[in-house]
Amino acid sequence: APSQALRARGPRSKGSFPLGSRDDHMAELFAVVKTMQALEKAYIKDCVNPNEYTAACSRLLVQYKAAFKQVQGLEINSIDDFCRRFRLDCPLAMERIKEDRPITIKDDKGNLNRCIADIVSLFITVMDKLRLEIRAMDEIQPDLRELMETMNRMSHLPPDFEGRQKVNQWLQTLSGMSASDELDDSQVRQMLFDLESAYNAFNRFLHS
């Protein structure tokens, strides 16, 4: 169903993916590819609007890269190897993975869908860094600044969009720190909460 395809990772499909210790990563990759295939089908059938599709596909591409990195070298050298090994027939997902962008993005000329894709990717990148305990000012601030600049370029976002305000507040906090200064545990927890809220608000805006 389209609603399942729009989730970050849909329910794991029945199939021949492996179960067990190291194979958790392979199962994760299997689920991401199957979800991407379902999303592509939903978009082709006009069951998903372009903005929602762009955000969901961008999120899945980020998840795919993280999942594939975990299995690469475990008898798997390419995504084609993986699909052959587990008999995955997902041609639409393979096309997205190889192009490394949603089908809605035809070029890099700063169109709306490019902004949506970049915003989703930057939100996930910053939140993943914080979860991995990467908290130095000079490792967080550049991505956060790029996120803010990309939101500013997206003219469809209202000036009082709550997500932009939260990101801007943290940019101001970071600007008062030295490059080597690190966020403390409390700040990391609050920043993650604020970014999750901003990210969810962005998705709600796309659905409205």
N, C-alpha and C. Protein backbone atom coordinates (compact mmCIF):
# COMPACT_ATOMS: atom_id res chain seq x y z
N ALA A 1 0.84 -1.19 0.00
CA ALA A 1 0.00 0.00 0.00
C ALA A 1 0.88 1.24 0.00
N PRO A 2 0.42 2.32 -0.62
CA PRO A 2 1.23 3.54 -0.67
C PRO A 2 1.62 4.05 0.70
N SER A 3 0.70 3.93 1.67
CA SER A 3 1.02 4.45 3.01
C SER A 3 2.21 3.71 3.61
N GLN A 4 2.32 2.41 3.30
CA GLN A 4 3.47 1.66 3.79
C GLN A 4 4.74 2.11 3.09
N ALA A 5 4.61 2.38 1.80
CA ALA A 5 5.79 2.78 1.03
C ALA A 5 6.35 4.10 1.52
N LEU A 6 5.50 4.95 2.12
CA LEU A 6 5.96 6.27 2.56
C LEU A 6 6.67 6.22 3.90
N ARG A 7 6.58 5.10 4.61
CA ARG A 7 7.28 5.02 5.89
C ARG A 7 8.77 4.92 5.65
N ALA A 8 9.54 5.31 6.69
CA ALA A 8 10.99 5.27 6.54
C ALA A 8 11.45 3.88 6.13
N ARG A 9 10.92 2.86 6.76
CA ARG A 9 11.17 1.49 6.36
C ARG A 9 9.85 0.77 6.56
N GLY A 10 9.35 0.20 5.53
CA GLY A 10 8.09 -0.53 5.63
C GLY A 10 8.29 -1.83 6.36
N PRO A 11 7.19 -2.56 6.61
CA PRO A 11 7.30 -3.86 7.24
C PRO A 11 8.12 -4.78 6.36
N ARG A 12 8.93 -5.62 6.95
CA ARG A 12 9.79 -6.49 6.16
C ARG A 12 8.95 -7.48 5.36
N SER A 13 9.19 -7.52 4.06
CA SER A 13 8.42 -8.38 3.18
C SER A 13 8.84 -9.83 3.36
N LYS A 14 7.91 -10.74 3.07
CA LYS A 14 8.26 -12.15 3.08
C LYS A 14 9.22 -12.40 1.93
N GLY A 15 10.21 -13.23 2.15
CA GLY A 15 11.17 -13.49 1.11
C GLY A 15 12.34 -14.25 1.68
N SER A 16 13.38 -14.40 0.88
CA SER A 16 14.47 -15.27 1.28
C SER A 16 15.62 -14.49 1.90
N PHE A 17 15.33 -13.40 2.65
CA PHE A 17 16.45 -12.72 3.27
C PHE A 17 16.87 -13.48 4.52
N PRO A 18 18.13 -13.41 4.87
CA PRO A 18 18.68 -14.20 5.97
C PRO A 18 18.31 -13.65 7.34
N LEU A 19 18.34 -14.51 8.31
CA LEU A 19 18.07 -14.12 9.68
C LEU A 19 19.27 -14.51 10.54
N GLY A 20 19.54 -13.75 11.57
CA GLY A 20 20.64 -14.10 12.45
C GLY A 20 21.58 -12.94 12.67
N SER A 21 22.67 -13.19 13.39
CA SER A 21 23.60 -12.17 13.85
C SER A 21 23.99 -11.13 12.80
N ARG A 22 25.03 -11.40 12.01
CA ARG A 22 25.50 -10.41 11.03
C ARG A 22 24.47 -10.14 9.95
N ASP A 23 23.53 -11.08 9.81
CA ASP A 23 22.55 -10.96 8.73
C ASP A 23 21.48 -9.92 9.00
N ASP A 24 21.48 -9.35 10.20
CA ASP A 24 20.54 -8.25 10.47
C ASP A 24 20.74 -7.12 9.46
N HIS A 25 21.99 -6.84 9.12
CA HIS A 25 22.28 -5.77 8.16
C HIS A 25 21.74 -6.12 6.78
N MET A 26 21.85 -7.40 6.41
CA MET A 26 21.34 -7.82 5.11
C MET A 26 19.81 -7.74 5.08
N ALA A 27 19.19 -8.12 6.20
CA ALA A 27 17.73 -8.02 6.28
C ALA A 27 17.28 -6.56 6.18
N GLU A 28 18.06 -5.68 6.79
CA GLU A 28 17.76 -4.24 6.73
C GLU A 28 17.84 -3.74 5.28
N LEU A 29 18.91 -4.13 4.58
CA LEU A 29 19.07 -3.72 3.18
C LEU A 29 17.94 -4.29 2.32
N PHE A 30 17.59 -5.54 2.56
CA PHE A 30 16.49 -6.18 1.83
C PHE A 30 15.21 -5.36 2.01
N ALA A 31 14.92 -4.97 3.25
CA ALA A 31 13.69 -4.22 3.55
C ALA A 31 13.69 -2.85 2.86
N VAL A 32 14.84 -2.18 2.86
CA VAL A 32 14.93 -0.85 2.24
C VAL A 32 14.67 -0.95 0.73
N VAL A 33 15.28 -1.94 0.08
CA VAL A 33 15.11 -2.10 -1.37
C VAL A 33 13.66 -2.42 -1.71
N LYS A 34 13.04 -3.33 -0.93
CA LYS A 34 11.64 -3.68 -1.18
C LYS A 34 10.73 -2.48 -0.97
N THR A 35 11.01 -1.68 0.05
CA THR A 35 10.19 -0.50 0.32
C THR A 35 10.34 0.52 -0.80
N MET A 36 11.57 0.67 -1.30
CA MET A 36 11.79 1.61 -2.41
C MET A 36 11.04 1.15 -3.66
N GLN A 37 11.03 -0.15 -3.92
CA GLN A 37 10.29 -0.68 -5.07
C GLN A 37 8.80 -0.37 -4.93
N ALA A 38 8.26 -0.56 -3.71
CA ALA A 38 6.84 -0.28 -3.47
C ALA A 38 6.53 1.21 -3.66
N LEU A 39 7.45 2.06 -3.19
CA LEU A 39 7.26 3.51 -3.35
C LEU A 39 7.25 3.90 -4.83
N GLU A 40 8.18 3.36 -5.60
CA GLU A 40 8.24 3.67 -7.03
C GLU A 40 6.94 3.26 -7.74
N LYS A 41 6.44 2.08 -7.40
CA LYS A 41 5.18 1.62 -8.00
C LYS A 41 4.03 2.54 -7.63
N ALA A 42 4.00 2.96 -6.35
CA ALA A 42 2.93 3.85 -5.88
C ALA A 42 2.98 5.18 -6.62
N TYR A 43 4.19 5.69 -6.85
CA TYR A 43 4.32 6.98 -7.55
C TYR A 43 3.87 6.85 -9.01
N ILE A 44 4.26 5.78 -9.66
CA ILE A 44 3.88 5.56 -11.06
C ILE A 44 2.36 5.50 -11.20
N LYS A 45 1.69 4.94 -10.17
CA LYS A 45 0.23 4.81 -10.21
C LYS A 45 -0.48 6.07 -9.70
N ASP A 46 0.27 7.14 -9.46
CA ASP A 46 -0.30 8.40 -8.96
C ASP A 46 -0.95 8.26 -7.59
N CYS A 47 -0.44 7.32 -6.79
CA CYS A 47 -0.97 7.13 -5.43
C CYS A 47 -0.23 8.00 -4.41
N VAL A 48 0.84 8.66 -4.83
CA VAL A 48 1.65 9.49 -3.94
C VAL A 48 1.92 10.80 -4.67
N ASN A 49 1.77 11.93 -3.95
CA ASN A 49 2.04 13.20 -4.63
C ASN A 49 3.56 13.41 -4.76
N PRO A 50 3.99 14.21 -5.72
CA PRO A 50 5.43 14.35 -6.00
C PRO A 50 6.27 14.80 -4.81
N ASN A 51 5.75 15.71 -3.99
CA ASN A 51 6.53 16.19 -2.84
C ASN A 51 6.74 15.09 -1.81
N GLU A 52 5.66 14.36 -1.50
CA GLU A 52 5.78 13.24 -0.56
C GLU A 52 6.73 12.18 -1.10
N TYR A 53 6.58 11.89 -2.39
CA TYR A 53 7.44 10.88 -3.02
C TYR A 53 8.91 11.30 -2.93
N THR A 54 9.20 12.55 -3.24
CA THR A 54 10.59 13.03 -3.24
C THR A 54 11.21 12.90 -1.86
N ALA A 55 10.45 13.28 -0.83
CA ALA A 55 10.96 13.18 0.55
C ALA A 55 11.18 11.72 0.94
N ALA A 56 10.20 10.86 0.64
CA ALA A 56 10.31 9.45 1.02
C ALA A 56 11.45 8.76 0.28
N CYS A 57 11.59 9.04 -1.02
CA CYS A 57 12.65 8.42 -1.81
C CYS A 57 14.03 8.90 -1.34
N SER A 58 14.15 10.17 -1.04
CA SER A 58 15.43 10.71 -0.55
C SER A 58 15.83 10.05 0.76
N ARG A 59 14.84 9.86 1.65
CA ARG A 59 15.10 9.20 2.93
C ARG A 59 15.56 7.76 2.70
N LEU A 60 14.90 7.05 1.79
CA LEU A 60 15.26 5.66 1.52
C LEU A 60 16.65 5.55 0.89
N LEU A 61 17.01 6.50 0.06
CA LEU A 61 18.35 6.47 -0.55
C LEU A 61 19.44 6.65 0.51
N VAL A 62 19.19 7.52 1.49
CA VAL A 62 20.14 7.68 2.60
C VAL A 62 20.24 6.37 3.38
N GLN A 63 19.08 5.76 3.66
CA GLN A 63 19.07 4.50 4.41
C GLN A 63 19.74 3.37 3.63
N TYR A 64 19.53 3.38 2.32
CA TYR A 64 20.16 2.36 1.47
C TYR A 64 21.69 2.44 1.58
N LYS A 65 22.23 3.66 1.48
CA LYS A 65 23.68 3.82 1.53
C LYS A 65 24.25 3.33 2.85
N ALA A 66 23.55 3.65 3.95
CA ALA A 66 24.02 3.21 5.27
C ALA A 66 23.95 1.69 5.39
N ALA A 67 22.86 1.10 4.89
CA ALA A 67 22.68 -0.36 5.00
C ALA A 67 23.67 -1.10 4.10
N PHE A 68 23.88 -0.59 2.89
CA PHE A 68 24.79 -1.28 1.97
C PHE A 68 26.23 -1.25 2.48
N LYS A 69 26.59 -0.14 3.11
CA LYS A 69 27.95 -0.02 3.66
C LYS A 69 28.22 -1.12 4.68
N GLN A 70 27.17 -1.53 5.41
CA GLN A 70 27.32 -2.55 6.45
C GLN A 70 27.50 -3.96 5.86
N VAL A 71 27.00 -4.21 4.66
CA VAL A 71 27.08 -5.57 4.10
C VAL A 71 28.17 -5.69 3.03
N GLN A 72 28.67 -4.56 2.55
CA GLN A 72 29.67 -4.60 1.48
C GLN A 72 30.91 -5.35 1.95
N GLY A 73 31.35 -6.32 1.16
CA GLY A 73 32.51 -7.11 1.53
C GLY A 73 32.15 -8.44 2.17
N LEU A 74 30.91 -8.56 2.70
CA LEU A 74 30.45 -9.83 3.27
C LEU A 74 29.93 -10.70 2.12
N GLU A 75 30.84 -11.07 1.23
CA GLU A 75 30.49 -11.84 0.02
C GLU A 75 29.61 -11.02 -0.92
N ILE A 76 29.45 -9.73 -0.62
CA ILE A 76 28.62 -8.85 -1.45
C ILE A 76 29.49 -7.68 -1.90
N ASN A 77 29.66 -7.54 -3.22
CA ASN A 77 30.48 -6.44 -3.74
C ASN A 77 29.65 -5.33 -4.35
N SER A 78 28.43 -5.64 -4.73
CA SER A 78 27.57 -4.63 -5.35
C SER A 78 26.12 -4.94 -5.01
N ILE A 79 25.24 -3.95 -5.24
CA ILE A 79 23.82 -4.18 -4.99
C ILE A 79 23.28 -5.23 -5.95
N ASP A 80 23.87 -5.34 -7.14
CA ASP A 80 23.45 -6.40 -8.08
C ASP A 80 23.76 -7.78 -7.52
N ASP A 81 24.94 -7.92 -6.89
CA ASP A 81 25.29 -9.19 -6.23
C ASP A 81 24.24 -9.54 -5.18
N PHE A 82 23.88 -8.53 -4.38
CA PHE A 82 22.91 -8.74 -3.31
C PHE A 82 21.57 -9.22 -3.87
N CYS A 83 21.10 -8.55 -4.92
CA CYS A 83 19.80 -8.90 -5.51
C CYS A 83 19.82 -10.31 -6.11
N ARG A 84 20.93 -10.66 -6.74
CA ARG A 84 21.03 -12.03 -7.29
C ARG A 84 21.04 -13.06 -6.18
N ARG A 85 21.78 -12.78 -5.13
CA ARG A 85 21.91 -13.75 -4.04
C ARG A 85 20.57 -14.02 -3.37
N PHE A 86 19.78 -12.96 -3.18
CA PHE A 86 18.51 -13.14 -2.46
C PHE A 86 17.29 -13.05 -3.39
N ARG A 87 17.55 -13.19 -4.70
CA ARG A 87 16.49 -13.25 -5.70
C ARG A 87 15.51 -12.09 -5.57
N LEU A 88 16.08 -10.92 -5.42
CA LEU A 88 15.28 -9.70 -5.31
C LEU A 88 15.02 -9.17 -6.72
N ASP A 89 13.77 -9.06 -7.09
CA ASP A 89 13.41 -8.52 -8.39
C ASP A 89 12.77 -7.15 -8.18
N CYS A 90 13.62 -6.13 -8.12
CA CYS A 90 13.15 -4.77 -7.84
C CYS A 90 13.76 -3.80 -8.84
N PRO A 91 13.38 -3.90 -10.11
CA PRO A 91 14.02 -3.07 -11.15
C PRO A 91 13.83 -1.57 -10.95
N LEU A 92 12.67 -1.16 -10.43
CA LEU A 92 12.44 0.27 -10.23
C LEU A 92 13.35 0.81 -9.13
N ALA A 93 13.49 0.03 -8.06
CA ALA A 93 14.39 0.44 -6.96
C ALA A 93 15.84 0.50 -7.45
N MET A 94 16.23 -0.47 -8.27
CA MET A 94 17.61 -0.49 -8.80
C MET A 94 17.90 0.76 -9.63
N GLU A 95 16.92 1.18 -10.40
CA GLU A 95 17.11 2.38 -11.21
C GLU A 95 17.31 3.61 -10.34
N ARG A 96 16.52 3.73 -9.24
CA ARG A 96 16.68 4.87 -8.33
C ARG A 96 18.05 4.83 -7.69
N ILE A 97 18.46 3.63 -7.23
CA ILE A 97 19.74 3.49 -6.54
C ILE A 97 20.89 3.88 -7.47
N LYS A 98 20.82 3.45 -8.72
CA LYS A 98 21.91 3.73 -9.66
C LYS A 98 21.94 5.20 -10.07
N GLU A 99 20.76 5.83 -10.15
CA GLU A 99 20.73 7.26 -10.48
C GLU A 99 21.02 8.11 -9.24
N ASP A 100 20.80 7.52 -8.05
CA ASP A 100 21.05 8.18 -6.76
C ASP A 100 20.25 9.46 -6.60
N ARG A 101 19.01 9.46 -7.08
CA ARG A 101 18.12 10.59 -6.88
C ARG A 101 16.69 10.17 -7.21
N PRO A 102 15.72 10.84 -6.59
CA PRO A 102 14.32 10.55 -6.91
C PRO A 102 14.03 10.83 -8.38
N ILE A 103 13.05 10.15 -8.94
CA ILE A 103 12.72 10.33 -10.35
C ILE A 103 12.21 11.74 -10.64
N THR A 104 11.76 12.44 -9.60
CA THR A 104 11.23 13.80 -9.76
C THR A 104 12.34 14.81 -10.01
N ILE A 105 13.58 14.43 -9.77
CA ILE A 105 14.71 15.37 -9.93
C ILE A 105 15.40 15.08 -11.26
N LYS A 106 15.21 15.96 -12.20
CA LYS A 106 15.78 15.77 -13.53
C LYS A 106 17.14 16.45 -13.66
N ASP A 107 17.40 17.43 -12.82
CA ASP A 107 18.65 18.18 -12.94
C ASP A 107 19.02 18.74 -11.58
N ASP A 108 20.09 19.51 -11.52
CA ASP A 108 20.56 20.10 -10.26
C ASP A 108 20.36 21.61 -10.25
N LYS A 109 19.31 22.08 -10.89
CA LYS A 109 19.14 23.53 -11.05
C LYS A 109 18.34 24.18 -9.92
N GLY A 110 18.31 23.54 -8.78
CA GLY A 110 17.67 24.18 -7.63
C GLY A 110 16.16 24.17 -7.68
N ASN A 111 15.57 23.20 -8.37
CA ASN A 111 14.11 23.16 -8.41
C ASN A 111 13.55 22.69 -7.08
N LEU A 112 12.22 22.72 -6.96
CA LEU A 112 11.57 22.39 -5.69
C LEU A 112 11.94 21.00 -5.20
N ASN A 113 11.89 20.02 -6.09
CA ASN A 113 12.17 18.65 -5.66
C ASN A 113 13.61 18.47 -5.22
N ARG A 114 14.53 19.18 -5.85
CA ARG A 114 15.93 19.14 -5.40
C ARG A 114 16.04 19.69 -3.99
N CYS A 115 15.34 20.78 -3.70
CA CYS A 115 15.35 21.35 -2.34
C CYS A 115 14.80 20.34 -1.33
N ILE A 116 13.68 19.71 -1.66
CA ILE A 116 13.07 18.73 -0.75
C ILE A 116 14.06 17.60 -0.47
N ALA A 117 14.67 17.06 -1.54
CA ALA A 117 15.61 15.96 -1.38
C ALA A 117 16.79 16.36 -0.50
N ASP A 118 17.34 17.55 -0.74
CA ASP A 118 18.49 18.01 0.04
C ASP A 118 18.13 18.24 1.51
N ILE A 119 16.94 18.80 1.75
CA ILE A 119 16.51 19.06 3.13
C ILE A 119 16.37 17.75 3.90
N VAL A 120 15.71 16.76 3.29
CA VAL A 120 15.55 15.45 3.94
C VAL A 120 16.91 14.85 4.25
N SER A 121 17.80 14.85 3.26
CA SER A 121 19.12 14.26 3.43
C SER A 121 19.92 14.96 4.54
N LEU A 122 19.85 16.28 4.60
CA LEU A 122 20.60 17.03 5.61
C LEU A 122 20.04 16.82 7.01
N PHE A 123 18.72 16.78 7.14
CA PHE A 123 18.12 16.47 8.45
C PHE A 123 18.66 15.13 8.95
N ILE A 124 18.60 14.11 8.10
CA ILE A 124 19.03 12.77 8.50
C ILE A 124 20.52 12.74 8.81
N THR A 125 21.31 13.43 8.01
CA THR A 125 22.76 13.46 8.23
C THR A 125 23.11 14.04 9.59
N VAL A 126 22.51 15.18 9.94
CA VAL A 126 22.82 15.82 11.23
C VAL A 126 22.34 14.94 12.38
N MET A 127 21.12 14.40 12.28
CA MET A 127 20.60 13.56 13.37
C MET A 127 21.44 12.30 13.54
N ASP A 128 21.89 11.71 12.42
CA ASP A 128 22.74 10.51 12.51
C ASP A 128 24.07 10.84 13.17
N LYS A 129 24.65 11.99 12.86
CA LYS A 129 25.91 12.39 13.49
C LYS A 129 25.74 12.49 15.00
N LEU A 130 24.65 13.12 15.43
CA LEU A 130 24.42 13.27 16.87
C LEU A 130 24.24 11.91 17.54
N ARG A 131 23.54 11.01 16.87
CA ARG A 131 23.33 9.67 17.45
C ARG A 131 24.63 8.89 17.52
N LEU A 132 25.56 9.20 16.62
CA LEU A 132 26.87 8.54 16.63
C LEU A 132 27.86 9.26 17.54
N GLU A 133 27.34 10.21 18.33
CA GLU A 133 28.13 10.98 19.29
C GLU A 133 29.20 11.84 18.61
N ILE A 134 28.90 12.27 17.40
CA ILE A 134 29.72 13.30 16.74
C ILE A 134 29.11 14.63 17.14
N ARG A 135 29.79 15.36 17.98
CA ARG A 135 29.15 16.54 18.59
C ARG A 135 30.00 17.80 18.59
N ALA A 136 31.16 17.77 17.93
CA ALA A 136 32.01 18.97 17.86
C ALA A 136 31.34 20.01 16.98
N MET A 137 31.49 21.26 17.36
CA MET A 137 30.85 22.36 16.63
C MET A 137 31.20 22.32 15.14
N ASP A 138 32.50 22.11 14.82
CA ASP A 138 32.91 22.18 13.42
C ASP A 138 32.48 20.97 12.59
N GLU A 139 31.92 19.94 13.25
CA GLU A 139 31.41 18.78 12.52
C GLU A 139 29.89 18.85 12.33
N ILE A 140 29.23 19.66 13.13
CA ILE A 140 27.77 19.77 13.07
C ILE A 140 27.33 21.04 12.32
N GLN A 141 28.04 22.14 12.60
CA GLN A 141 27.59 23.44 12.08
C GLN A 141 27.51 23.55 10.55
N PRO A 142 28.48 23.00 9.78
CA PRO A 142 28.39 23.15 8.32
C PRO A 142 27.13 22.52 7.72
N ASP A 143 26.78 21.31 8.18
CA ASP A 143 25.57 20.65 7.67
C ASP A 143 24.32 21.41 8.10
N LEU A 144 24.34 21.90 9.34
CA LEU A 144 23.17 22.62 9.84
C LEU A 144 23.00 23.94 9.08
N ARG A 145 24.11 24.60 8.79
CA ARG A 145 24.04 25.84 8.01
C ARG A 145 23.51 25.57 6.60
N GLU A 146 23.99 24.48 5.99
CA GLU A 146 23.51 24.13 4.65
C GLU A 146 22.02 23.80 4.68
N LEU A 147 21.57 23.15 5.75
CA LEU A 147 20.15 22.85 5.91
C LEU A 147 19.34 24.14 5.96
N MET A 148 19.82 25.09 6.74
CA MET A 148 19.13 26.38 6.87
C MET A 148 19.09 27.10 5.52
N GLU A 149 20.21 27.12 4.82
CA GLU A 149 20.27 27.80 3.52
C GLU A 149 19.34 27.15 2.50
N THR A 150 19.25 25.83 2.55
CA THR A 150 18.38 25.12 1.61
C THR A 150 16.92 25.40 1.92
N MET A 151 16.57 25.44 3.20
CA MET A 151 15.18 25.78 3.56
C MET A 151 14.86 27.20 3.12
N ASN A 152 15.82 28.10 3.24
CA ASN A 152 15.59 29.49 2.81
C ASN A 152 15.37 29.59 1.31
N ARG A 153 16.00 28.68 0.55
CA ARG A 153 15.83 28.69 -0.92
C ARG A 153 14.47 28.12 -1.34
N MET A 154 13.85 27.36 -0.43
CA MET A 154 12.57 26.74 -0.77
C MET A 154 11.45 27.75 -0.51
N SER A 155 11.08 28.48 -1.54
CA SER A 155 10.14 29.60 -1.39
C SER A 155 8.75 29.14 -0.94
N HIS A 156 8.44 27.85 -1.13
CA HIS A 156 7.12 27.35 -0.73
C HIS A 156 6.97 27.30 0.80
N LEU A 157 8.10 27.22 1.52
CA LEU A 157 8.02 27.17 2.98
C LEU A 157 7.60 28.53 3.52
N PRO A 158 6.59 28.57 4.39
CA PRO A 158 6.18 29.86 4.96
C PRO A 158 7.28 30.46 5.82
N PRO A 159 7.36 31.79 5.91
CA PRO A 159 8.42 32.45 6.68
C PRO A 159 8.45 32.03 8.15
N ASP A 160 7.26 31.71 8.70
CA ASP A 160 7.20 31.36 10.12
C ASP A 160 7.23 29.84 10.33
N PHE A 161 7.70 29.09 9.35
CA PHE A 161 7.77 27.63 9.48
C PHE A 161 8.56 27.25 10.73
N GLU A 162 7.94 26.46 11.61
CA GLU A 162 8.54 26.16 12.92
C GLU A 162 9.88 25.43 12.80
N GLY A 163 10.01 24.58 11.79
CA GLY A 163 11.26 23.84 11.62
C GLY A 163 12.43 24.76 11.34
N ARG A 164 12.21 25.79 10.54
CA ARG A 164 13.27 26.74 10.22
C ARG A 164 13.69 27.48 11.49
N GLN A 165 12.72 27.83 12.34
CA GLN A 165 13.02 28.55 13.57
C GLN A 165 13.89 27.71 14.51
N LYS A 166 13.58 26.40 14.60
CA LYS A 166 14.36 25.52 15.48
C LYS A 166 15.80 25.38 14.97
N VAL A 167 15.94 25.20 13.67
CA VAL A 167 17.29 25.07 13.09
C VAL A 167 18.08 26.35 13.31
N ASN A 168 17.43 27.48 13.13
CA ASN A 168 18.10 28.77 13.30
C ASN A 168 18.56 28.98 14.74
N GLN A 169 17.74 28.55 15.70
CA GLN A 169 18.11 28.68 17.11
C GLN A 169 19.40 27.91 17.40
N TRP A 170 19.51 26.71 16.84
CA TRP A 170 20.72 25.91 17.08
C TRP A 170 21.93 26.47 16.33
N LEU A 171 21.69 27.06 15.18
CA LEU A 171 22.80 27.72 14.47
C LEU A 171 23.36 28.85 15.31
N GLN A 172 22.48 29.60 15.96
CA GLN A 172 22.92 30.70 16.82
C GLN A 172 23.71 30.16 18.01
N THR A 173 23.25 29.05 18.58
CA THR A 173 23.97 28.43 19.70
C THR A 173 25.37 28.01 19.26
N LEU A 174 25.46 27.35 18.10
CA LEU A 174 26.75 26.87 17.62
C LEU A 174 27.69 28.01 17.24
N SER A 175 27.12 29.12 16.77
CA SER A 175 27.97 30.25 16.36
C SER A 175 28.68 30.88 17.55
N GLY A 176 28.18 30.63 18.75
CA GLY A 176 28.83 31.15 19.95
C GLY A 176 29.88 30.22 20.52
N MET A 177 30.15 29.11 19.82
CA MET A 177 31.11 28.11 20.29
C MET A 177 32.38 28.16 19.44
N SER A 178 33.49 27.69 20.02
CA SER A 178 34.72 27.53 19.25
C SER A 178 34.62 26.25 18.42
N ALA A 179 35.46 26.15 17.38
CA ALA A 179 35.39 25.01 16.46
C ALA A 179 35.51 23.67 17.18
N SER A 180 36.38 23.60 18.19
CA SER A 180 36.62 22.32 18.87
C SER A 180 35.66 22.07 20.03
N ASP A 181 34.84 23.06 20.38
CA ASP A 181 33.87 22.87 21.46
C ASP A 181 32.87 21.79 21.09
N GLU A 182 32.43 21.03 22.10
CA GLU A 182 31.46 19.97 21.86
C GLU A 182 30.16 20.24 22.60
N LEU A 183 29.06 19.81 22.02
CA LEU A 183 27.77 19.86 22.70
C LEU A 183 27.80 18.87 23.86
N ASP A 184 27.21 19.24 24.99
CA ASP A 184 27.15 18.29 26.11
C ASP A 184 25.94 17.36 25.92
N ASP A 185 25.82 16.37 26.81
CA ASP A 185 24.76 15.36 26.67
C ASP A 185 23.38 15.99 26.61
N SER A 186 23.15 16.97 27.47
CA SER A 186 21.84 17.62 27.52
C SER A 186 21.54 18.35 26.21
N GLN A 187 22.56 19.03 25.67
CA GLN A 187 22.37 19.76 24.41
C GLN A 187 22.10 18.80 23.25
N VAL A 188 22.84 17.68 23.23
CA VAL A 188 22.64 16.69 22.16
C VAL A 188 21.22 16.15 22.21
N ARG A 189 20.77 15.83 23.42
CA ARG A 189 19.41 15.29 23.57
C ARG A 189 18.37 16.31 23.10
N GLN A 190 18.55 17.57 23.50
CA GLN A 190 17.59 18.61 23.11
C GLN A 190 17.66 18.89 21.61
N MET A 191 18.87 18.90 21.06
CA MET A 191 19.01 19.17 19.63
C MET A 191 18.37 18.06 18.81
N LEU A 192 18.56 16.82 19.22
CA LEU A 192 17.92 15.70 18.53
C LEU A 192 16.40 15.83 18.58
N PHE A 193 15.89 16.19 19.75
CA PHE A 193 14.44 16.36 19.91
C PHE A 193 13.94 17.47 18.99
N ASP A 194 14.65 18.60 18.97
CA ASP A 194 14.23 19.74 18.15
C ASP A 194 14.30 19.41 16.65
N LEU A 195 15.36 18.70 16.25
CA LEU A 195 15.50 18.36 14.83
C LEU A 195 14.47 17.33 14.40
N GLU A 196 14.17 16.37 15.29
CA GLU A 196 13.10 15.40 14.99
C GLU A 196 11.79 16.14 14.80
N SER A 197 11.52 17.10 15.69
CA SER A 197 10.28 17.89 15.60
C SER A 197 10.25 18.69 14.30
N ALA A 198 11.39 19.30 13.95
CA ALA A 198 11.46 20.09 12.72
C ALA A 198 11.28 19.21 11.49
N TYR A 199 11.90 18.04 11.52
CA TYR A 199 11.80 17.10 10.40
C TYR A 199 10.36 16.62 10.22
N ASN A 200 9.70 16.31 11.33
CA ASN A 200 8.30 15.88 11.27
C ASN A 200 7.41 17.01 10.78
N ALA A 201 7.71 18.24 11.20
CA ALA A 201 6.94 19.40 10.74
C ALA A 201 7.12 19.59 9.23
N PHE A 202 8.33 19.35 8.74
CA PHE A 202 8.59 19.46 7.30
C PHE A 202 7.77 18.43 6.53
N ASN A 203 7.73 17.20 7.05
CA ASN A 203 6.93 16.16 6.39
C ASN A 203 5.44 16.49 6.42
N ARG A 204 4.98 17.05 7.54
CA ARG A 204 3.56 17.45 7.62
C ARG A 204 3.27 18.53 6.59
N PHE A 205 4.22 19.46 6.42
CA PHE A 205 4.04 20.52 5.43
C PHE A 205 3.92 19.93 4.02
N LEU A 206 4.74 18.93 3.72
CA LEU A 206 4.68 18.31 2.39
C LEU A 206 3.36 17.61 2.15
N HIS A 207 2.77 17.08 3.22
CA HIS A 207 1.51 16.34 3.09
C HIS A 207 0.31 17.26 3.04
N SER A 208 0.50 18.53 3.42
CA SER A 208 -0.65 19.44 3.51
C SER A 208 -1.08 19.97 2.15
